[in-house]
N, C-alpha and C. Protein backbone atom coordinates (compact mmCIF):
# COMPACT_ATOMS: atom_id res chain seq x y z
N UNK A 1 12.56 43.58 -85.57
CA UNK A 1 12.96 42.29 -85.05
C UNK A 1 14.05 41.67 -85.92
N UNK A 2 13.89 41.83 -87.24
CA UNK A 2 14.86 41.27 -88.16
C UNK A 2 16.23 41.96 -87.98
N UNK A 3 16.22 43.28 -87.75
CA UNK A 3 17.48 44.01 -87.55
C UNK A 3 18.18 43.58 -86.26
N UNK A 4 17.38 43.30 -85.25
CA UNK A 4 17.95 42.86 -83.98
C UNK A 4 18.68 41.53 -84.15
N UNK A 5 18.08 40.60 -84.87
CA UNK A 5 18.73 39.30 -85.12
C UNK A 5 19.99 39.48 -85.97
N UNK A 6 19.92 40.35 -86.96
CA UNK A 6 21.08 40.59 -87.81
C UNK A 6 22.23 41.18 -87.00
N UNK A 7 21.92 42.13 -86.15
CA UNK A 7 22.96 42.73 -85.31
C UNK A 7 23.53 41.72 -84.32
N UNK A 8 22.69 40.89 -83.76
CA UNK A 8 23.16 39.86 -82.83
C UNK A 8 24.07 38.86 -83.56
N UNK A 9 23.67 38.46 -84.75
CA UNK A 9 24.48 37.53 -85.53
C UNK A 9 25.81 38.17 -85.91
N UNK A 10 25.79 39.43 -86.31
CA UNK A 10 27.01 40.14 -86.65
C UNK A 10 27.93 40.27 -85.43
N UNK A 11 27.35 40.58 -84.28
CA UNK A 11 28.13 40.68 -83.04
C UNK A 11 28.77 39.35 -82.68
N UNK A 12 28.02 38.26 -82.82
CA UNK A 12 28.56 36.93 -82.52
C UNK A 12 29.69 36.58 -83.48
N UNK A 13 29.55 36.94 -84.73
CA UNK A 13 30.59 36.69 -85.72
C UNK A 13 31.87 37.46 -85.39
N UNK A 14 31.73 38.71 -85.00
CA UNK A 14 32.89 39.54 -84.64
C UNK A 14 33.60 38.94 -83.42
N UNK A 15 32.83 38.53 -82.42
CA UNK A 15 33.43 37.92 -81.22
C UNK A 15 34.16 36.63 -81.59
N UNK A 16 33.57 35.81 -82.45
CA UNK A 16 34.19 34.54 -82.84
C UNK A 16 35.50 34.77 -83.59
N UNK A 17 35.52 35.75 -84.48
CA UNK A 17 36.73 36.05 -85.24
C UNK A 17 37.81 36.61 -84.33
N UNK A 18 37.45 37.53 -83.44
CA UNK A 18 38.43 38.11 -82.52
C UNK A 18 38.98 37.06 -81.56
N UNK A 19 38.14 36.20 -81.06
CA UNK A 19 38.60 35.15 -80.13
C UNK A 19 39.52 34.17 -80.85
N UNK A 20 39.23 33.86 -82.09
CA UNK A 20 40.08 32.95 -82.85
C UNK A 20 41.48 33.48 -83.02
N UNK A 21 41.61 34.76 -83.33
CA UNK A 21 42.95 35.32 -83.50
C UNK A 21 43.67 35.44 -82.16
N UNK A 22 42.95 35.66 -81.09
CA UNK A 22 43.59 35.74 -79.77
C UNK A 22 44.15 34.38 -79.36
N UNK A 23 43.39 33.31 -79.62
CA UNK A 23 43.85 31.98 -79.25
C UNK A 23 44.92 31.47 -80.21
N UNK A 24 45.04 32.04 -81.40
CA UNK A 24 46.03 31.61 -82.37
C UNK A 24 47.39 32.25 -82.13
N UNK A 25 47.49 33.16 -81.18
CA UNK A 25 48.75 33.83 -80.89
C UNK A 25 49.81 32.82 -80.48
N UNK A 26 50.96 32.85 -81.16
CA UNK A 26 52.07 31.97 -80.80
C UNK A 26 52.85 32.59 -79.66
N UNK A 27 53.69 31.84 -79.06
CA UNK A 27 54.58 32.37 -78.04
C UNK A 27 54.82 31.39 -76.93
N UNK A 28 55.58 31.82 -75.97
CA UNK A 28 55.89 30.98 -74.84
C UNK A 28 54.82 31.14 -73.77
N UNK A 29 53.58 31.17 -74.20
CA UNK A 29 52.48 31.32 -73.28
C UNK A 29 52.11 32.76 -73.02
N UNK A 30 52.74 33.69 -73.69
CA UNK A 30 52.50 35.11 -73.48
C UNK A 30 51.65 35.65 -74.63
N UNK A 31 50.76 36.56 -74.31
CA UNK A 31 49.90 37.16 -75.33
C UNK A 31 50.61 38.28 -76.08
N UNK A 32 51.59 38.91 -75.44
CA UNK A 32 52.30 40.02 -76.07
C UNK A 32 53.80 39.83 -75.90
N UNK A 33 54.54 40.56 -76.69
CA UNK A 33 55.99 40.50 -76.61
C UNK A 33 56.52 41.24 -75.39
N UNK A 34 57.77 41.02 -75.09
CA UNK A 34 58.41 41.58 -73.90
C UNK A 34 58.50 43.11 -73.95
N UNK A 35 58.60 43.67 -75.14
CA UNK A 35 58.73 45.13 -75.27
C UNK A 35 57.48 45.86 -74.81
N UNK A 36 56.35 45.19 -74.80
CA UNK A 36 55.11 45.83 -74.40
C UNK A 36 54.82 45.71 -72.91
N UNK A 37 55.65 45.05 -72.18
CA UNK A 37 55.44 44.88 -70.74
C UNK A 37 56.14 45.98 -69.96
N UNK A 38 55.55 46.34 -68.84
CA UNK A 38 56.15 47.38 -68.01
C UNK A 38 57.38 46.86 -67.29
N UNK A 39 57.33 45.63 -66.81
CA UNK A 39 58.45 45.05 -66.10
C UNK A 39 59.32 44.27 -67.07
N UNK A 40 60.56 44.65 -67.16
CA UNK A 40 61.50 44.00 -68.08
C UNK A 40 62.38 43.01 -67.31
N UNK A 41 62.77 41.92 -67.97
CA UNK A 41 63.68 40.99 -67.31
C UNK A 41 65.09 41.59 -67.23
N UNK A 42 65.90 41.10 -66.31
CA UNK A 42 67.27 41.63 -66.21
C UNK A 42 68.11 41.24 -67.42
N UNK A 43 69.01 42.13 -67.79
CA UNK A 43 69.94 41.87 -68.90
C UNK A 43 71.20 41.26 -68.30
N UNK A 44 71.64 40.15 -68.88
CA UNK A 44 72.86 39.49 -68.42
C UNK A 44 73.88 39.51 -69.56
N UNK A 45 75.14 39.50 -69.21
CA UNK A 45 76.21 39.46 -70.20
C UNK A 45 76.82 38.07 -70.18
N UNK A 46 76.90 37.46 -71.35
CA UNK A 46 77.45 36.12 -71.52
C UNK A 46 78.54 36.16 -72.57
N UNK A 47 79.56 35.37 -72.39
CA UNK A 47 80.63 35.28 -73.38
C UNK A 47 80.88 33.81 -73.67
N UNK A 48 81.14 33.52 -74.95
CA UNK A 48 81.40 32.14 -75.32
C UNK A 48 81.77 32.01 -76.78
N UNK A 49 81.77 30.77 -77.23
CA UNK A 49 82.14 30.45 -78.60
C UNK A 49 80.95 29.86 -79.33
N UNK A 50 80.72 30.31 -80.55
CA UNK A 50 79.62 29.80 -81.37
C UNK A 50 79.95 28.37 -81.79
N UNK A 51 79.07 27.42 -81.46
CA UNK A 51 79.29 26.02 -81.84
C UNK A 51 78.38 25.58 -82.97
N UNK A 52 77.29 26.32 -83.19
CA UNK A 52 76.36 25.95 -84.26
C UNK A 52 75.46 27.14 -84.58
N UNK A 53 74.94 27.17 -85.79
CA UNK A 53 73.96 28.16 -86.22
C UNK A 53 72.72 27.41 -86.67
N UNK A 54 71.56 27.83 -86.18
CA UNK A 54 70.31 27.19 -86.58
C UNK A 54 69.39 28.23 -87.18
N UNK A 55 68.94 27.96 -88.39
CA UNK A 55 67.99 28.82 -89.07
C UNK A 55 66.82 27.95 -89.48
N UNK A 56 65.62 28.37 -89.11
CA UNK A 56 64.45 27.58 -89.46
C UNK A 56 63.21 28.12 -88.80
N UNK A 57 62.10 27.41 -88.97
CA UNK A 57 60.84 27.85 -88.39
C UNK A 57 60.93 27.92 -86.87
N UNK A 58 60.38 28.96 -86.31
CA UNK A 58 60.34 29.11 -84.86
C UNK A 58 59.00 28.58 -84.36
N UNK A 59 59.06 27.63 -83.46
CA UNK A 59 57.84 26.98 -82.99
C UNK A 59 57.12 27.78 -81.92
N UNK A 60 57.85 28.50 -81.10
CA UNK A 60 57.25 29.20 -79.96
C UNK A 60 57.54 30.69 -80.02
N UNK A 61 57.17 31.33 -81.09
CA UNK A 61 57.48 32.75 -81.25
C UNK A 61 56.25 33.61 -81.00
N UNK A 62 56.47 34.84 -80.56
CA UNK A 62 55.40 35.81 -80.50
C UNK A 62 55.46 36.71 -81.73
N UNK A 63 56.48 36.55 -82.53
CA UNK A 63 56.65 37.36 -83.74
C UNK A 63 55.97 36.74 -84.94
N UNK A 64 56.04 37.43 -86.05
CA UNK A 64 55.36 36.99 -87.25
C UNK A 64 56.29 36.42 -88.31
N UNK A 65 57.59 36.47 -88.07
CA UNK A 65 58.53 35.92 -89.04
C UNK A 65 58.43 34.41 -89.04
N UNK A 66 58.48 33.82 -90.22
CA UNK A 66 58.35 32.37 -90.32
C UNK A 66 59.68 31.67 -90.09
N UNK A 67 60.79 32.40 -90.21
CA UNK A 67 62.09 31.78 -90.07
C UNK A 67 62.96 32.59 -89.12
N UNK A 68 63.47 31.94 -88.09
CA UNK A 68 64.28 32.62 -87.10
C UNK A 68 65.71 32.11 -87.10
N UNK A 69 66.62 32.90 -86.52
CA UNK A 69 68.03 32.53 -86.45
C UNK A 69 68.45 32.40 -84.99
N UNK A 70 69.19 31.33 -84.71
CA UNK A 70 69.70 31.05 -83.37
C UNK A 70 71.18 30.73 -83.47
N UNK A 71 71.92 31.14 -82.47
CA UNK A 71 73.30 30.72 -82.32
C UNK A 71 73.36 29.80 -81.11
N UNK A 72 74.02 28.68 -81.26
CA UNK A 72 74.27 27.80 -80.13
C UNK A 72 75.66 28.20 -79.62
N UNK A 73 75.73 28.66 -78.39
CA UNK A 73 76.95 29.25 -77.84
C UNK A 73 77.39 28.45 -76.61
N UNK A 74 78.63 28.06 -76.63
CA UNK A 74 79.22 27.35 -75.49
C UNK A 74 79.90 28.37 -74.60
N UNK A 75 79.32 28.56 -73.40
CA UNK A 75 79.96 29.41 -72.40
C UNK A 75 80.82 28.49 -71.55
N UNK A 76 81.47 29.00 -70.56
CA UNK A 76 82.38 28.19 -69.76
C UNK A 76 81.78 26.89 -69.25
N UNK A 77 80.58 26.94 -68.69
CA UNK A 77 80.02 25.75 -68.04
C UNK A 77 78.73 25.24 -68.66
N UNK A 78 78.21 25.92 -69.65
CA UNK A 78 76.95 25.47 -70.26
C UNK A 78 76.86 25.89 -71.72
N UNK A 79 75.90 25.29 -72.40
CA UNK A 79 75.61 25.64 -73.79
C UNK A 79 74.25 26.32 -73.81
N UNK A 80 74.18 27.47 -74.48
CA UNK A 80 72.92 28.21 -74.55
C UNK A 80 72.42 28.30 -75.99
N UNK A 81 71.11 28.41 -76.11
CA UNK A 81 70.44 28.63 -77.38
C UNK A 81 70.10 30.12 -77.41
N UNK A 82 70.80 30.87 -78.24
CA UNK A 82 70.65 32.31 -78.29
C UNK A 82 69.78 32.71 -79.49
N UNK A 83 68.60 33.21 -79.20
CA UNK A 83 67.70 33.67 -80.27
C UNK A 83 68.14 35.07 -80.70
N UNK A 84 68.36 35.22 -82.01
CA UNK A 84 68.73 36.53 -82.55
C UNK A 84 67.52 37.28 -83.07
N UNK A 85 66.71 36.63 -83.89
CA UNK A 85 65.55 37.26 -84.51
C UNK A 85 65.30 36.65 -85.86
N UNK A 86 64.45 37.28 -86.68
CA UNK A 86 64.20 36.77 -88.03
C UNK A 86 65.51 36.72 -88.82
N UNK A 87 65.72 35.63 -89.53
CA UNK A 87 67.00 35.43 -90.21
C UNK A 87 67.33 36.54 -91.20
N UNK A 88 66.33 37.08 -91.86
CA UNK A 88 66.57 38.17 -92.82
C UNK A 88 67.04 39.44 -92.10
N UNK A 89 66.58 39.67 -90.88
CA UNK A 89 66.92 40.88 -90.15
C UNK A 89 68.29 40.80 -89.48
N UNK A 90 68.79 39.58 -89.26
CA UNK A 90 70.06 39.42 -88.53
C UNK A 90 71.15 38.79 -89.40
N UNK A 91 71.03 38.92 -90.69
CA UNK A 91 72.00 38.31 -91.62
C UNK A 91 73.42 38.80 -91.37
N UNK A 92 73.59 40.07 -91.01
CA UNK A 92 74.94 40.61 -90.74
C UNK A 92 75.57 39.94 -89.51
N UNK A 93 74.76 39.68 -88.51
CA UNK A 93 75.27 39.02 -87.31
C UNK A 93 75.71 37.60 -87.65
N UNK A 94 74.90 36.92 -88.44
CA UNK A 94 75.22 35.54 -88.82
C UNK A 94 76.53 35.48 -89.61
N UNK A 95 76.76 36.45 -90.48
CA UNK A 95 78.02 36.48 -91.25
C UNK A 95 79.22 36.76 -90.34
N UNK A 96 79.03 37.64 -89.36
CA UNK A 96 80.14 38.04 -88.50
C UNK A 96 80.44 37.01 -87.41
N UNK A 97 79.49 36.10 -87.12
CA UNK A 97 79.66 35.14 -86.02
C UNK A 97 79.54 33.71 -86.52
N UNK A 98 80.48 33.25 -87.35
CA UNK A 98 80.42 31.86 -87.81
C UNK A 98 80.82 30.90 -86.68
N UNK A 99 80.67 29.63 -86.93
CA UNK A 99 81.05 28.61 -85.96
C UNK A 99 82.54 28.78 -85.62
N UNK A 100 82.85 28.73 -84.32
CA UNK A 100 84.22 28.88 -83.86
C UNK A 100 84.56 30.28 -83.40
N UNK A 101 83.73 31.27 -83.69
CA UNK A 101 84.01 32.66 -83.33
C UNK A 101 83.60 32.92 -81.89
N UNK A 102 84.40 33.67 -81.17
CA UNK A 102 84.07 34.09 -79.80
C UNK A 102 83.19 35.33 -79.87
N UNK A 103 82.14 35.34 -79.04
CA UNK A 103 81.21 36.47 -79.01
C UNK A 103 80.89 36.82 -77.56
N UNK A 104 80.41 38.04 -77.38
CA UNK A 104 79.89 38.50 -76.10
C UNK A 104 78.47 38.97 -76.35
N UNK A 105 77.56 38.56 -75.49
CA UNK A 105 76.14 38.83 -75.70
C UNK A 105 75.55 39.51 -74.48
N UNK A 106 74.74 40.53 -74.71
CA UNK A 106 73.85 41.06 -73.68
C UNK A 106 72.49 40.49 -74.04
N UNK A 107 71.91 39.74 -73.13
CA UNK A 107 70.65 39.08 -73.43
C UNK A 107 69.76 38.97 -72.21
N UNK A 108 68.60 38.39 -72.43
CA UNK A 108 67.64 38.22 -71.34
C UNK A 108 66.87 36.93 -71.56
N UNK A 109 66.17 36.54 -70.52
CA UNK A 109 65.29 35.39 -70.60
C UNK A 109 64.13 35.62 -69.65
N UNK A 110 63.03 34.92 -69.89
CA UNK A 110 61.88 34.98 -69.00
C UNK A 110 61.70 33.60 -68.36
N UNK A 111 60.86 33.54 -67.35
CA UNK A 111 60.61 32.28 -66.65
C UNK A 111 59.96 31.23 -67.55
N UNK A 112 59.27 31.66 -68.58
CA UNK A 112 58.57 30.72 -69.46
C UNK A 112 59.47 30.11 -70.53
N UNK A 113 60.67 30.60 -70.65
CA UNK A 113 61.60 30.08 -71.64
C UNK A 113 62.35 28.88 -71.07
N UNK A 114 62.83 27.98 -71.93
CA UNK A 114 63.66 26.88 -71.43
C UNK A 114 64.90 27.42 -70.71
N UNK A 115 65.45 26.63 -69.81
CA UNK A 115 66.55 27.09 -68.96
C UNK A 115 67.79 27.52 -69.75
N UNK A 116 68.01 26.92 -70.91
CA UNK A 116 69.22 27.25 -71.68
C UNK A 116 68.96 28.28 -72.78
N UNK A 117 67.81 28.91 -72.78
CA UNK A 117 67.43 29.82 -73.86
C UNK A 117 67.55 31.29 -73.43
N UNK A 118 68.09 32.09 -74.34
CA UNK A 118 68.21 33.53 -74.13
C UNK A 118 67.84 34.25 -75.41
N UNK A 119 67.42 35.51 -75.28
CA UNK A 119 67.16 36.38 -76.43
C UNK A 119 68.24 37.45 -76.42
N UNK A 120 68.86 37.67 -77.56
CA UNK A 120 69.96 38.64 -77.65
C UNK A 120 69.43 40.07 -77.74
N UNK A 121 69.97 40.94 -76.89
CA UNK A 121 69.71 42.38 -76.99
C UNK A 121 70.79 42.98 -77.88
N UNK A 122 72.04 42.53 -77.68
CA UNK A 122 73.15 42.95 -78.53
C UNK A 122 74.17 41.83 -78.58
N UNK A 123 74.92 41.79 -79.68
CA UNK A 123 75.96 40.79 -79.87
C UNK A 123 77.23 41.53 -80.26
N UNK A 124 78.32 41.22 -79.56
CA UNK A 124 79.61 41.84 -79.88
C UNK A 124 80.53 40.76 -80.44
N UNK A 125 81.02 41.02 -81.65
CA UNK A 125 81.97 40.13 -82.31
C UNK A 125 83.22 40.96 -82.61
N UNK A 126 84.34 40.56 -82.02
CA UNK A 126 85.58 41.33 -82.12
C UNK A 126 85.32 42.75 -81.64
N UNK A 127 85.51 43.76 -82.48
CA UNK A 127 85.28 45.15 -82.08
C UNK A 127 83.96 45.70 -82.63
N UNK A 128 83.13 44.84 -83.16
CA UNK A 128 81.87 45.26 -83.77
C UNK A 128 80.68 44.84 -82.91
N UNK A 129 79.78 45.77 -82.60
CA UNK A 129 78.60 45.48 -81.79
C UNK A 129 77.35 45.60 -82.65
N UNK A 130 76.53 44.57 -82.62
CA UNK A 130 75.25 44.55 -83.33
C UNK A 130 74.14 44.74 -82.30
N UNK A 131 73.41 45.84 -82.38
CA UNK A 131 72.30 46.09 -81.48
C UNK A 131 71.03 45.54 -82.11
N UNK A 132 70.43 44.56 -81.47
CA UNK A 132 69.25 43.90 -82.01
C UNK A 132 67.95 44.39 -81.35
N UNK A 133 68.06 44.92 -80.14
CA UNK A 133 66.90 45.43 -79.42
C UNK A 133 67.30 46.72 -78.71
N UNK A 134 66.35 47.63 -78.59
CA UNK A 134 66.64 48.89 -77.90
C UNK A 134 66.50 48.69 -76.39
N UNK A 135 66.56 49.78 -75.63
CA UNK A 135 66.51 49.67 -74.17
C UNK A 135 65.17 49.17 -73.65
N UNK A 136 64.11 49.32 -74.42
CA UNK A 136 62.82 48.77 -74.00
C UNK A 136 62.64 47.34 -74.51
N UNK A 137 63.69 46.79 -75.12
CA UNK A 137 63.75 45.43 -75.67
C UNK A 137 62.91 45.26 -76.93
N UNK A 138 62.57 46.36 -77.56
CA UNK A 138 61.86 46.33 -78.84
C UNK A 138 62.87 46.00 -79.95
N UNK A 139 62.54 45.03 -80.81
CA UNK A 139 63.46 44.67 -81.90
C UNK A 139 63.74 45.84 -82.83
N UNK A 140 64.99 45.97 -83.26
CA UNK A 140 65.35 47.07 -84.16
C UNK A 140 64.68 46.91 -85.52
N UNK A 141 64.39 45.69 -85.94
CA UNK A 141 63.73 45.50 -87.23
C UNK A 141 62.27 45.89 -87.17
N UNK A 142 61.75 46.14 -85.99
CA UNK A 142 60.36 46.59 -85.84
C UNK A 142 60.29 48.10 -85.63
N UNK A 143 61.41 48.81 -85.83
CA UNK A 143 61.46 50.25 -85.62
C UNK A 143 60.43 50.96 -86.48
N UNK A 144 59.79 51.94 -85.89
CA UNK A 144 58.79 52.71 -86.63
C UNK A 144 57.43 52.05 -86.63
N UNK A 145 57.32 50.88 -86.04
CA UNK A 145 56.05 50.17 -86.01
C UNK A 145 55.27 50.59 -84.77
N UNK A 146 53.99 50.39 -84.82
CA UNK A 146 53.19 50.64 -83.63
C UNK A 146 52.18 51.75 -83.81
N UNK A 147 52.32 52.58 -84.82
CA UNK A 147 51.34 53.63 -85.07
C UNK A 147 51.01 53.61 -86.54
N UNK A 148 49.79 53.88 -86.86
CA UNK A 148 49.39 53.87 -88.26
C UNK A 148 48.57 52.65 -88.57
N UNK A 149 48.26 52.46 -89.84
CA UNK A 149 47.32 51.43 -90.19
C UNK A 149 47.83 50.37 -91.14
N UNK A 150 48.90 50.59 -91.82
CA UNK A 150 49.29 49.60 -92.82
C UNK A 150 50.68 49.05 -92.57
N UNK A 151 51.13 48.23 -93.48
CA UNK A 151 52.40 47.53 -93.31
C UNK A 151 53.60 48.45 -93.32
N UNK A 152 53.49 49.64 -93.86
CA UNK A 152 54.65 50.52 -93.99
C UNK A 152 54.72 51.56 -92.90
N UNK A 153 53.62 51.91 -92.27
CA UNK A 153 53.65 53.00 -91.31
C UNK A 153 53.26 52.62 -89.90
N UNK A 154 52.74 51.43 -89.68
CA UNK A 154 52.29 51.14 -88.33
C UNK A 154 52.11 49.68 -88.07
N UNK A 155 51.35 49.39 -87.09
CA UNK A 155 51.18 48.03 -86.63
C UNK A 155 50.16 47.31 -87.49
N UNK A 156 50.56 46.95 -88.67
CA UNK A 156 49.70 46.21 -89.57
C UNK A 156 50.22 44.80 -89.73
N UNK A 157 49.52 43.99 -90.50
CA UNK A 157 49.94 42.60 -90.65
C UNK A 157 51.00 42.44 -91.72
N UNK A 158 51.93 43.35 -91.77
CA UNK A 158 52.86 43.33 -92.89
C UNK A 158 54.31 43.27 -92.53
N UNK A 159 55.10 43.79 -93.41
CA UNK A 159 56.55 43.72 -93.43
C UNK A 159 57.16 44.26 -92.14
N UNK A 160 58.17 43.55 -91.61
CA UNK A 160 58.99 43.97 -90.48
C UNK A 160 58.25 44.04 -89.17
N UNK A 161 57.22 43.25 -88.99
CA UNK A 161 56.56 43.24 -87.70
C UNK A 161 57.08 42.06 -86.90
N UNK A 162 57.46 42.26 -85.68
CA UNK A 162 57.92 41.15 -84.88
C UNK A 162 58.05 41.52 -83.42
N UNK A 163 57.65 40.63 -82.56
CA UNK A 163 57.75 40.83 -81.12
C UNK A 163 58.23 39.52 -80.50
N UNK A 164 59.07 39.62 -79.56
CA UNK A 164 59.40 38.48 -78.74
C UNK A 164 60.38 37.51 -79.31
N UNK A 165 60.60 36.38 -78.66
CA UNK A 165 61.58 35.37 -79.05
C UNK A 165 60.96 34.07 -79.46
N UNK A 166 61.77 33.17 -79.97
CA UNK A 166 61.25 31.87 -80.38
C UNK A 166 62.16 30.77 -79.90
N UNK A 167 61.57 29.68 -79.45
CA UNK A 167 62.35 28.55 -78.97
C UNK A 167 61.61 27.28 -79.24
């Protein structure tokens, strides 16, 4: 009888811990990042001029990076908020695309994102192209992740893990 109560208490504890982490997931209302979905959003090409760079905490991210980088880009008729990714992973893009520089972006958005928000798949500055996500929309800084048990070989709670966008 004592073992039965212990097992029940242990089971309840496991359920409570697992439920807590599931409800703590950040994002635009999505439990997983876009790379894990079978249906991908369409990729659109946008061209414009960088009017601002924003680096700071991402409030609505599905990723684990605490600091994200965004470019505010003025296209012909609108201004968009272009999410690049974790600032450490996209430092080269930020250097190549200062305020005033013209860029071309292949990006996507989902219905849950604000109307002016896009996630960059690739950014072209002059003759240089920065690929930020592969064809399945998986971030390049997350390459090699997904198998294994620790921060260096797989999907662990460690270095270079990130899914999705932040707005």
